[in-house]
Amino acid sequence: MERQQAGAVTALRDDLGRGDPPVVYGAGRFVHVQFYDRASTVLAEQVAADQPGIEAAKAFMKGRPFSFPGPGKDDVLMTRINDARFVLLAVPIVDRTGRTAAFARGMFAVSRQELTLIRRAMMRNTLIVVVIVLAVSALLYPVILQLTRRLADYSTICSMRTSRPCWSWAAPLPSATAIRTPTTTG
């Protein structure tokens, strides 16, 4: 009941003031979160003091201007600070009517284990693609070679039977094909 009577900013400050650690995800955790309004006034803020290099992350975030994304939008900036990967994320906070009431931005520290897993998955997927391309090329090479030989044989037989090239179907496309005849030079 008391919470309903308090303003939204006061309730947010109370929640953050309890000292609960920021949410931890499998890919990392938010280490610095700010809530602000359209006037760039910071309404509430929480910092994970146990994060290595938190001062550098705070300085990076403080050096960036506040962004004001619209409802359903977000601003994302990836960066590296002291060999650690961070994502600066800014999102709108909308009220029940769908209007933007405030904004939140936070520095998300990506875990090293997650980065290692991502790199492994990328390497594995790249290797799979290379193997597939090589396998398809190896399977199609004999077919392409056979078609090329047949085309060369057809061209030889056709030009022996007639006094002109067998590529008469290409006559409407003189700029696209270079047909060598006795009248052309070069």
C-alpha atoms as a PDB file:
ATOM      1  CA  MET A   1       0.000   0.000   0.000  1.00  0.00           C
ATOM      2  CA  GLU A   2       2.750   2.391   0.967  1.00  0.00           C
ATOM      3  CA  ARG A   3       4.566   1.602  -2.275  1.00  0.00           C
ATOM      4  CA  GLN A   4       1.529   2.538  -4.365  1.00  0.00           C
ATOM      5  CA  GLN A   5       1.385   5.969  -2.766  1.00  0.00           C
ATOM      6  CA  ALA A   6       5.069   6.657  -3.339  1.00  0.00           C
ATOM      7  CA  GLY A   7       6.132   8.100  -6.657  1.00  0.00           C
ATOM      8  CA  ALA A   8       7.645   5.888  -9.327  1.00  0.00           C
ATOM      9  CA  VAL A   9      11.082   7.472  -8.910  1.00  0.00           C
ATOM     10  CA  THR A  10      11.016   6.999  -5.139  1.00  0.00           C
ATOM     11  CA  ALA A  11       9.983   3.354  -5.505  1.00  0.00           C
ATOM     12  CA  LEU A  12      12.765   2.776  -8.035  1.00  0.00           C
ATOM     13  CA  ARG A  13      15.343   4.374  -5.726  1.00  0.00           C
ATOM     14  CA  ASP A  14      14.099   2.236  -2.832  1.00  0.00           C
ATOM     15  CA  ASP A  15      14.419  -0.943  -4.895  1.00  0.00           C
ATOM     16  CA  LEU A  16      17.900  -0.081  -6.067  1.00  0.00           C
ATOM     17  CA  GLY A  17      18.908   1.119  -2.602  1.00  0.00           C
ATOM     18  CA  ARG A  18      18.289  -2.314  -1.092  1.00  0.00           C
ATOM     19  CA  GLY A  19      21.620  -3.353  -2.545  1.00  0.00           C
ATOM     20  CA  ASP A  20      20.378  -6.376  -4.455  1.00  0.00           C
ATOM     21  CA  PRO A  21      23.007  -7.397  -6.980  1.00  0.00           C
ATOM     22  CA  PRO A  22      22.182  -6.630 -10.596  1.00  0.00           C
ATOM     23  CA  VAL A  23      20.616  -9.397 -12.621  1.00  0.00           C
ATOM     24  CA  VAL A  24      23.128 -12.023 -13.759  1.00  0.00           C
ATOM     25  CA  TYR A  25      22.558 -13.778 -17.083  1.00  0.00           C
ATOM     26  CA  GLY A  26      24.418 -16.724 -18.560  1.00  0.00           C
ATOM     27  CA  ALA A  27      26.157 -14.404 -21.012  1.00  0.00           C
ATOM     28  CA  GLY A  28      27.224 -11.863 -18.386  1.00  0.00           C
ATOM     29  CA  ARG A  29      25.673  -9.230 -16.137  1.00  0.00           C
ATOM     30  CA  PHE A  30      24.786  -5.573 -15.943  1.00  0.00           C
ATOM     31  CA  VAL A  31      27.463  -3.783 -13.940  1.00  0.00           C
ATOM     32  CA  HIS A  32      26.216  -0.190 -14.156  1.00  0.00           C
ATOM     33  CA  VAL A  33      22.598   0.858 -14.698  1.00  0.00           C
ATOM     34  CA  GLN A  34      21.112   4.355 -14.876  1.00  0.00           C
ATOM     35  CA  PHE A  35      17.515   5.515 -15.165  1.00  0.00           C
ATOM     36  CA  TYR A  36      17.057   9.023 -16.584  1.00  0.00           C
ATOM     37  CA  ASP A  37      14.443  11.361 -18.007  1.00  0.00           C
ATOM     38  CA  ARG A  38      14.269  13.460 -21.190  1.00  0.00           C
ATOM     39  CA  ALA A  39      16.214  16.255 -19.472  1.00  0.00           C
ATOM     40  CA  SER A  40      19.149  13.825 -18.959  1.00  0.00           C
ATOM     41  CA  THR A  41      18.593  13.919 -15.217  1.00  0.00           C
ATOM     42  CA  VAL A  42      19.688  10.647 -13.620  1.00  0.00           C
ATOM     43  CA  LEU A  43      16.750   9.452 -11.523  1.00  0.00           C
ATOM     44  CA  ALA A  44      18.387   6.343 -10.088  1.00  0.00           C
ATOM     45  CA  GLU A  45      21.615   4.439 -10.518  1.00  0.00           C
ATOM     46  CA  GLN A  46      23.181   1.173  -9.407  1.00  0.00           C
ATOM     47  CA  VAL A  47      26.758  -0.074  -9.757  1.00  0.00           C
ATOM     48  CA  ALA A  48      28.215  -3.539  -9.205  1.00  0.00           C
ATOM     49  CA  ALA A  49      31.248  -2.603  -7.122  1.00  0.00           C
ATOM     50  CA  ASP A  50      32.754  -6.109  -7.370  1.00  0.00           C
ATOM     51  CA  GLN A  51      33.264  -5.842 -11.143  1.00  0.00           C
ATOM     52  CA  PRO A  52      36.949  -5.586 -12.130  1.00  0.00           C
ATOM     53  CA  GLY A  53      37.564  -2.308 -13.962  1.00  0.00           C
ATOM     54  CA  ILE A  54      34.218  -0.821 -12.953  1.00  0.00           C
ATOM     55  CA  GLU A  55      35.672   2.687 -12.762  1.00  0.00           C
ATOM     56  CA  ALA A  56      36.753   2.531 -16.419  1.00  0.00           C
ATOM     57  CA  ALA A  57      33.301   1.222 -17.391  1.00  0.00           C
ATOM     58  CA  LYS A  58      31.628   4.038 -15.439  1.00  0.00           C
ATOM     59  CA  ALA A  59      33.913   6.600 -17.085  1.00  0.00           C
ATOM     60  CA  PHE A  60      33.082   5.222 -20.533  1.00  0.00           C
ATOM     61  CA  MET A  61      29.372   5.376 -19.812  1.00  0.00           C
ATOM     62  CA  LYS A  62      29.659   8.884 -18.355  1.00  0.00           C
ATOM     63  CA  GLY A  63      31.541  10.027 -21.462  1.00  0.00           C
ATOM     64  CA  ARG A  64      28.735   8.911 -23.767  1.00  0.00           C
ATOM     65  CA  PRO A  65      25.766  11.248 -24.270  1.00  0.00           C
ATOM     66  CA  PHE A  66      22.362  10.083 -23.136  1.00  0.00           C
ATOM     67  CA  SER A  67      20.300   8.550 -25.913  1.00  0.00           C
ATOM     68  CA  PHE A  68      16.549   8.712 -26.231  1.00  0.00           C
ATOM     69  CA  PRO A  69      15.287   5.754 -28.282  1.00  0.00           C
ATOM     70  CA  GLY A  70      11.615   5.595 -29.136  1.00  0.00           C
ATOM     71  CA  PRO A  71       9.219   2.923 -27.867  1.00  0.00           C
ATOM     72  CA  GLY A  72      10.217  -0.510 -29.107  1.00  0.00           C
ATOM     73  CA  LYS A  73      13.687   0.720 -30.102  1.00  0.00           C
ATOM     74  CA  ASP A  74      17.054   0.478 -28.411  1.00  0.00           C
ATOM     75  CA  ASP A  75      20.578   1.816 -28.831  1.00  0.00           C
ATOM     76  CA  VAL A  76      23.439  -0.649 -28.575  1.00  0.00           C
ATOM     77  CA  LEU A  77      27.165   0.035 -28.558  1.00  0.00           C
ATOM     78  CA  MET A  78      29.775  -2.675 -28.099  1.00  0.00           C
ATOM     79  CA  THR A  79      33.167  -1.788 -26.663  1.00  0.00           C
ATOM     80  CA  ARG A  80      36.280  -3.258 -25.090  1.00  0.00           C
ATOM     81  CA  ILE A  81      37.621  -1.878 -21.806  1.00  0.00           C
ATOM     82  CA  ASN A  82      40.787  -3.378 -20.266  1.00  0.00           C
ATOM     83  CA  ASP A  83      40.473  -6.592 -22.342  1.00  0.00           C
ATOM     84  CA  ALA A  84      36.873  -7.073 -21.217  1.00  0.00           C
ATOM     85  CA  ARG A  85      33.881  -6.846 -23.561  1.00  0.00           C
ATOM     86  CA  PHE A  86      31.013  -4.563 -22.661  1.00  0.00           C
ATOM     87  CA  VAL A  87      27.726  -3.637 -24.295  1.00  0.00           C
ATOM     88  CA  LEU A  88      26.213  -0.225 -23.612  1.00  0.00           C
ATOM     89  CA  LEU A  89      22.453  -0.574 -23.964  1.00  0.00           C
ATOM     90  CA  ALA A  90      19.846   2.206 -23.816  1.00  0.00           C
ATOM     91  CA  VAL A  91      16.121   1.431 -23.846  1.00  0.00           C
ATOM     92  CA  PRO A  92      12.919   3.416 -23.238  1.00  0.00           C
ATOM     93  CA  ILE A  93      10.629   2.682 -20.308  1.00  0.00           C
ATOM     94  CA  VAL A  94       7.023   3.033 -21.403  1.00  0.00           C
ATOM     95  CA  ASP A  95       3.956   3.561 -19.258  1.00  0.00           C
ATOM     96  CA  ARG A  96       0.625   1.780 -19.567  1.00  0.00           C
ATOM     97  CA  THR A  97      -0.505   4.061 -22.367  1.00  0.00           C
ATOM     98  CA  GLY A  98       2.581   3.293 -24.461  1.00  0.00           C
ATOM     99  CA  ARG A  99       4.229   6.690 -23.964  1.00  0.00           C
ATOM    100  CA  THR A 100       7.865   6.903 -22.951  1.00  0.00           C
ATOM    101  CA  ALA A 101       8.064   7.709 -19.241  1.00  0.00           C
ATOM    102  CA  ALA A 102      11.842   7.455 -18.771  1.00  0.00           C
ATOM    103  CA  PHE A 103      14.916   5.754 -20.157  1.00  0.00           C
ATOM    104  CA  ALA A 104      17.366   3.193 -18.866  1.00  0.00           C
ATOM    105  CA  ARG A 105      20.920   2.561 -19.942  1.00  0.00           C
ATOM    106  CA  GLY A 106      23.399   0.071 -18.656  1.00  0.00           C
ATOM    107  CA  MET A 107      26.815  -1.439 -19.177  1.00  0.00           C
ATOM    108  CA  PHE A 108      26.558  -5.188 -19.709  1.00  0.00           C
ATOM    109  CA  ALA A 109      29.781  -7.107 -19.041  1.00  0.00           C
ATOM    110  CA  VAL A 110      29.988 -10.112 -21.365  1.00  0.00           C
ATOM    111  CA  SER A 111      31.459 -13.171 -19.642  1.00  0.00           C
ATOM    112  CA  ARG A 112      34.732 -14.568 -20.965  1.00  0.00           C
ATOM    113  CA  GLN A 113      33.268 -18.081 -20.989  1.00  0.00           C
ATOM    114  CA  GLU A 114      30.432 -16.947 -23.235  1.00  0.00           C
ATOM    115  CA  LEU A 115      32.864 -15.243 -25.613  1.00  0.00           C
ATOM    116  CA  THR A 116      34.884 -18.450 -25.794  1.00  0.00           C
ATOM    117  CA  LEU A 117      31.749 -20.457 -26.595  1.00  0.00           C
ATOM    118  CA  ILE A 118      30.736 -17.955 -29.281  1.00  0.00           C
ATOM    119  CA  ARG A 119      34.168 -18.092 -30.894  1.00  0.00           C
ATOM    120  CA  ARG A 120      34.131 -21.896 -30.869  1.00  0.00           C
ATOM    121  CA  ALA A 121      30.684 -21.960 -32.452  1.00  0.00           C
ATOM    122  CA  MET A 122      31.788 -19.500 -35.137  1.00  0.00           C
ATOM    123  CA  MET A 123      34.887 -21.557 -35.936  1.00  0.00           C
ATOM    124  CA  ARG A 124      32.846 -24.770 -36.044  1.00  0.00           C
ATOM    125  CA  ASN A 125      30.234 -23.219 -38.328  1.00  0.00           C
ATOM    126  CA  THR A 126      32.912 -21.796 -40.631  1.00  0.00           C
ATOM    127  CA  LEU A 127      34.582 -25.194 -40.830  1.00  0.00           C
ATOM    128  CA  ILE A 128      31.246 -26.844 -41.657  1.00  0.00           C
ATOM    129  CA  VAL A 129      30.630 -24.327 -44.468  1.00  0.00           C
ATOM    130  CA  VAL A 130      34.111 -24.905 -45.916  1.00  0.00           C
ATOM    131  CA  VAL A 131      33.625 -28.684 -45.815  1.00  0.00           C
ATOM    132  CA  ILE A 132      30.217 -28.394 -47.521  1.00  0.00           C
ATOM    133  CA  VAL A 133      31.610 -26.137 -50.268  1.00  0.00           C
ATOM    134  CA  LEU A 134      34.528 -28.494 -50.869  1.00  0.00           C
ATOM    135  CA  ALA A 135      32.256 -31.565 -50.908  1.00  0.00           C
ATOM    136  CA  VAL A 136      29.806 -29.992 -53.354  1.00  0.00           C
ATOM    137  CA  SER A 137      32.679 -28.830 -55.557  1.00  0.00           C
ATOM    138  CA  ALA A 138      34.186 -32.323 -55.531  1.00  0.00           C
ATOM    139  CA  LEU A 139      30.830 -33.861 -56.407  1.00  0.00           C
ATOM    140  CA  LEU A 140      30.022 -31.371 -59.180  1.00  0.00           C
ATOM    141  CA  TYR A 141      33.505 -31.183 -60.726  1.00  0.00           C
ATOM    142  CA  PRO A 142      33.106 -34.352 -62.855  1.00  0.00           C
ATOM    143  CA  VAL A 143      29.696 -33.174 -64.078  1.00  0.00           C
ATOM    144  CA  ILE A 144      31.017 -29.731 -65.028  1.00  0.00           C
ATOM    145  CA  LEU A 145      34.041 -31.277 -66.712  1.00  0.00           C
ATOM    146  CA  GLN A 146      31.828 -33.648 -68.731  1.00  0.00           C
ATOM    147  CA  LEU A 147      29.503 -30.815 -69.801  1.00  0.00           C
ATOM    148  CA  THR A 148      32.471 -28.704 -70.872  1.00  0.00           C
ATOM    149  CA  ARG A 149      33.877 -31.560 -72.953  1.00  0.00           C
ATOM    150  CA  ARG A 150      30.499 -32.160 -74.609  1.00  0.00           C
ATOM    151  CA  LEU A 151      30.186 -28.479 -75.423  1.00  0.00           C
ATOM    152  CA  ALA A 152      33.670 -28.441 -76.938  1.00  0.00           C
ATOM    153  CA  ASP A 153      32.889 -31.589 -78.966  1.00  0.00           C
ATOM    154  CA  TYR A 154      29.597 -30.093 -80.180  1.00  0.00           C
ATOM    155  CA  SER A 155      31.364 -26.912 -81.234  1.00  0.00           C
ATOM    156  CA  THR A 156      34.016 -28.848 -83.167  1.00  0.00           C
ATOM    157  CA  ILE A 157      31.488 -31.077 -84.941  1.00  0.00           C
ATOM    158  CA  CYS A 158      29.192 -28.175 -85.774  1.00  0.00           C
ATOM    159  CA  SER A 159      31.955 -26.009 -87.231  1.00  0.00           C
ATOM    160  CA  MET A 160      33.148 -28.961 -89.360  1.00  0.00           C
ATOM    161  CA  ARG A 161      29.677 -29.360 -90.875  1.00  0.00           C
ATOM    162  CA  THR A 162      29.083 -25.679 -91.529  1.00  0.00           C
ATOM    163  CA  SER A 163      31.338 -22.872 -92.596  1.00  0.00           C
ATOM    164  CA  ARG A 164      30.192 -20.620 -89.784  1.00  0.00           C
ATOM    165  CA  PRO A 165      30.406 -20.890 -85.997  1.00  0.00           C
ATOM    166  CA  CYS A 166      27.765 -22.900 -84.170  1.00  0.00           C
ATOM    167  CA  TRP A 167      26.972 -20.007 -81.917  1.00  0.00           C
ATOM    168  CA  SER A 168      24.416 -18.445 -84.309  1.00  0.00           C
ATOM    169  CA  TRP A 169      21.916 -18.312 -81.453  1.00  0.00           C
ATOM    170  CA  ALA A 170      24.128 -15.625 -79.924  1.00  0.00           C
ATOM    171  CA  ALA A 171      23.875 -13.318 -82.976  1.00  0.00           C
ATOM    172  CA  PRO A 172      21.343 -11.000 -81.298  1.00  0.00           C
ATOM    173  CA  LEU A 173      23.888 -10.427 -78.533  1.00  0.00           C
ATOM    174  CA  PRO A 174      26.990  -9.173 -80.373  1.00  0.00           C
ATOM    175  CA  SER A 175      28.150  -7.024 -77.466  1.00  0.00           C
ATOM    176  CA  ALA A 176      27.787  -9.824 -74.941  1.00  0.00           C
ATOM    177  CA  THR A 177      29.731 -12.432 -76.927  1.00  0.00           C
ATOM    178  CA  ALA A 178      32.896 -12.081 -78.932  1.00  0.00           C
ATOM    179  CA  ILE A 179      32.421 -14.287 -81.981  1.00  0.00           C
ATOM    180  CA  ARG A 180      35.529 -14.612 -84.092  1.00  0.00           C
ATOM    181  CA  THR A 181      34.745 -14.841 -87.793  1.00  0.00           C
ATOM    182  CA  PRO A 182      36.985 -14.322 -90.839  1.00  0.00           C
ATOM    183  CA  THR A 183      35.631 -10.749 -91.117  1.00  0.00           C
ATOM    184  CA  THR A 184      36.602  -9.733 -87.578  1.00  0.00           C
ATOM    185  CA  THR A 185      40.105  -8.836 -86.617  1.00  0.00           C
ATOM    186  CA  GLY A 186      41.973  -9.328 -83.384  1.00  0.00           C
END
